[in-house]
Structures are given as C-alpha cells and as structure tokens.
Amino acid sequence: MATVIRGSDNWDTALKAGSQAFAARIPSTSWYNAAADSVIPFNDVSTGDNFDTGGNFNTSTYKYTAPTTGVYLFWFAIYTANSDTDNAFGFLKNSSELNLTQSPGNALAYAQNADDKMLSFTCVIPLTSGDTMAVRASEASDYYTGVSTWGGCRLS
C-alpha cells in the first residue's frame, strides 16, 4: 500500500520501515592501524554497491544519524590480520560503546584462514531520532580497508 504525502504531513512520520538504509566502505585498498577508541573512517556511500537512500550517513564524521525513532539493524564486516590477536571493533551509539555480548538479537561471527580473518557483527537496536551510530576500534587494531564495510537500515 502506497503512502500518500500531503503538504501538511510530517515527512518523518510517513517513512516506511527499510526506507532509510545505507552501505559504506573505505575506497582505498591498504592495511591501516586504528588507534584505540577511534571511529573507522568509512567514507564512500556512492560507488559500486554502496549507497545512502536517506542521506543520513555523514562521510566526514563516519556516523549514521537516525532520522526517526524506531528499531534499526546495523552490521559491519572488517578484514583483520589473524596474527594480531589484539584487534577489537564494536559499535558506538552516540558517545558510548554498545555492550554487544549482553544485547538480545545480536550475532558475531568470523571466518579465518592461516593469515587473516573477517570479523562480522550484526545487531538490532532501538534508536531515538538524532541518535548516531558508528564503528570504532575498541583497542588499537589493524584492518584491511579494501574489503571492510558497514551498513544498516530502519526496521520499524
């Protein structure tokens, strides 16, 4: 069923679940050392399969801002060196790191070979309009920019 927007309607209240989505990456292909507590600089939402349907991802701060209050799904996939066991990444909501192990509906996985591994995480979280989300290095960590990505969408 289509949503009808009239001149007096509030645009935010008419947005349907899933209409606000993005996928971001880092356009370079190199190894990078991230300082502890630093936001990962995903800054490309316009090439290849990367997109930002609502213009809510800031490519300068590397943060997504929730346009409306609702339930959101976020994910990241970061390629790291298997030989470095100190790598740690997580989600930053506003200015606090999420406790990913205590939240229901979250999934953490990684695939590894003898040299490297792909760390991926998905979470479902309620946000209030104006809340921000970002991916950050929880500890000093190295990662390969060429295949690291993150994104999300509004579910309801």
Protein backbone atom coordinates (compact mmCIF):
# COMPACT_ATOMS: atom_id res chain seq x y z
CA MET A 1 0.00 0.00 0.00
CA ALA A 2 1.44 3.37 -1.01
CA THR A 3 1.92 6.17 1.48
CA VAL A 4 0.28 9.45 0.48
CA ILE A 5 2.17 12.60 1.48
CA ARG A 6 0.16 15.80 1.74
CA GLY A 7 1.61 19.26 2.20
CA SER A 8 0.78 19.37 5.90
CA ASP A 9 2.02 15.85 6.71
CA ASN A 10 5.29 15.39 8.56
CA TRP A 11 7.68 13.60 6.20
CA ASP A 12 9.44 11.69 9.01
CA THR A 13 6.24 10.05 10.18
CA ALA A 14 5.49 8.86 6.66
CA LEU A 15 8.78 6.99 6.21
CA LYS A 16 8.27 3.27 5.98
CA ALA A 17 10.49 0.64 7.57
CA GLY A 18 13.52 -0.10 5.42
CA SER A 19 13.24 3.17 3.51
CA GLN A 20 16.29 4.53 5.34
CA ALA A 21 19.31 2.38 4.52
CA PHE A 22 23.00 2.68 3.73
CA ALA A 23 26.11 0.67 2.96
CA ALA A 24 29.55 2.28 3.31
CA ARG A 25 33.13 1.29 2.63
CA ILE A 26 36.61 2.77 2.53
CA PRO A 27 37.67 3.34 -1.10
CA SER A 28 41.38 2.60 -0.58
CA THR A 29 43.00 -0.83 -0.55
CA SER A 30 45.64 -0.86 2.16
CA TRP A 31 46.36 -2.00 5.69
CA TYR A 32 45.56 0.59 8.33
CA ASN A 33 46.36 0.83 12.04
CA ALA A 34 43.47 2.32 14.02
CA ALA A 35 44.11 3.91 17.41
CA ALA A 36 42.09 2.68 20.37
CA ASP A 37 38.65 4.33 20.59
CA SER A 38 38.87 5.77 17.05
CA VAL A 39 35.93 5.76 14.64
CA ILE A 40 36.67 3.73 11.49
CA PRO A 41 36.68 6.13 8.50
CA PHE A 42 34.09 4.55 6.22
CA ASN A 43 33.51 7.42 3.79
CA ASP A 44 32.18 6.04 0.50
CA VAL A 45 28.43 5.63 0.04
CA SER A 46 28.26 6.38 -3.68
CA THR A 47 30.35 3.93 -5.71
CA GLY A 48 29.69 0.34 -6.67
CA ASP A 49 27.18 -1.30 -4.34
CA ASN A 50 27.48 1.47 -1.73
CA PHE A 51 24.52 3.76 -1.17
CA ASP A 52 22.69 6.05 1.27
CA THR A 53 18.98 6.19 0.47
CA GLY A 54 18.09 8.85 3.02
CA GLY A 55 21.24 10.96 3.20
CA ASN A 56 21.68 10.10 6.90
CA PHE A 57 25.27 8.82 6.76
CA ASN A 58 27.91 11.53 7.26
CA THR A 59 31.03 10.79 5.18
CA SER A 60 33.05 13.31 7.23
CA THR A 61 32.26 12.00 10.73
CA TYR A 62 31.66 8.40 9.53
CA LYS A 63 28.44 8.28 11.57
CA TYR A 64 24.85 7.38 10.74
CA THR A 65 22.18 9.62 12.30
CA ALA A 66 18.75 8.08 12.92
CA PRO A 67 16.17 10.22 11.09
CA THR A 68 13.27 8.88 13.18
CA THR A 69 12.70 6.93 16.35
CA GLY A 70 12.47 3.21 15.62
CA VAL A 71 14.21 -0.14 15.56
CA TYR A 72 17.32 -0.39 13.37
CA LEU A 73 19.60 -3.16 12.12
CA PHE A 74 23.33 -2.48 11.73
CA TRP A 75 26.19 -4.71 10.59
CA PHE A 76 29.90 -4.48 9.92
CA ALA A 77 32.48 -6.74 8.32
CA ILE A 78 36.15 -5.96 8.95
CA TYR A 79 39.11 -7.83 7.48
CA THR A 80 41.89 -8.18 10.07
CA ALA A 81 45.25 -9.86 10.43
CA ASN A 82 44.94 -13.27 12.07
CA SER A 83 48.40 -12.92 13.59
CA ASP A 84 47.26 -9.88 15.62
CA THR A 85 45.04 -11.18 18.43
CA ASP A 86 44.50 -7.71 19.95
CA ASN A 87 42.16 -6.45 17.23
CA ALA A 88 38.78 -5.38 18.63
CA PHE A 89 35.91 -3.50 16.98
CA GLY A 90 32.44 -2.51 18.11
CA PHE A 91 29.52 -0.14 17.61
CA LEU A 92 29.47 3.32 19.09
CA LYS A 93 25.99 4.64 19.90
CA ASN A 94 26.25 8.40 20.44
CA SER A 95 29.35 8.50 22.67
CA SER A 96 29.14 5.04 24.29
CA GLU A 97 30.27 1.67 23.01
CA LEU A 98 27.45 -0.88 22.91
CA ASN A 99 27.78 -3.90 25.16
CA LEU A 100 27.37 -6.32 22.28
CA THR A 101 27.50 -9.51 24.33
CA GLN A 102 24.59 -8.52 26.58
CA SER A 103 22.08 -7.47 23.92
CA PRO A 104 19.44 -9.86 22.54
CA GLY A 105 19.31 -10.42 18.78
CA ASN A 106 23.00 -9.78 18.16
CA ALA A 107 25.23 -12.08 16.14
CA LEU A 108 29.03 -12.16 15.99
CA ALA A 109 30.94 -14.34 13.55
CA TYR A 110 34.33 -14.61 11.96
CA ALA A 111 35.95 -16.67 9.26
CA GLN A 112 39.67 -17.14 9.24
CA ASN A 113 42.48 -18.81 7.37
CA ALA A 114 46.15 -19.16 8.26
CA ASP A 115 46.83 -15.49 7.56
CA ASP A 116 43.77 -13.33 8.10
CA LYS A 117 40.17 -13.26 9.31
CA MET A 118 36.90 -11.49 8.55
CA LEU A 119 35.10 -10.26 11.66
CA SER A 120 31.40 -9.58 11.15
CA PHE A 121 28.75 -8.40 13.55
CA THR A 122 25.02 -7.68 13.26
CA CYS A 123 22.83 -6.01 15.86
CA VAL A 124 19.23 -4.86 16.20
CA ILE A 125 18.80 -1.78 18.36
CA PRO A 126 16.14 0.82 19.17
CA LEU A 127 17.22 4.39 18.40
CA THR A 128 15.68 7.78 19.07
CA SER A 129 15.64 10.40 16.34
CA GLY A 130 19.07 12.07 16.30
CA ASP A 131 20.99 9.14 17.83
CA THR A 132 24.20 8.32 15.99
CA MET A 133 25.91 5.01 15.24
CA ALA A 134 29.48 4.37 14.13
CA VAL A 135 32.01 1.53 14.01
CA ARG A 136 35.05 2.02 16.20
CA ALA A 137 38.24 0.25 17.16
CA SER A 138 37.83 -0.71 20.82
CA GLU A 139 41.56 -1.27 21.09
CA ALA A 140 44.47 -0.40 18.80
CA SER A 141 43.65 -2.59 15.80
CA ASP A 142 44.78 -3.21 12.25
CA TYR A 143 42.46 -3.89 9.33
CA TYR A 144 42.46 -4.03 5.55
CA THR A 145 40.39 -1.23 4.05
CA GLY A 146 39.71 -2.84 0.67
CA VAL A 147 37.07 -5.29 1.89
CA SER A 148 35.87 -3.77 5.17
CA THR A 149 32.28 -2.47 5.07
CA TRP A 150 29.35 -1.48 7.26
CA GLY A 151 25.74 -0.50 6.87
CA GLY A 152 22.27 -0.58 8.25
CA CYS A 153 18.59 0.12 7.84
CA ARG A 154 15.47 1.07 9.76
CA LEU A 155 13.28 -1.97 10.51
CA SER A 156 10.25 -0.33 12.10
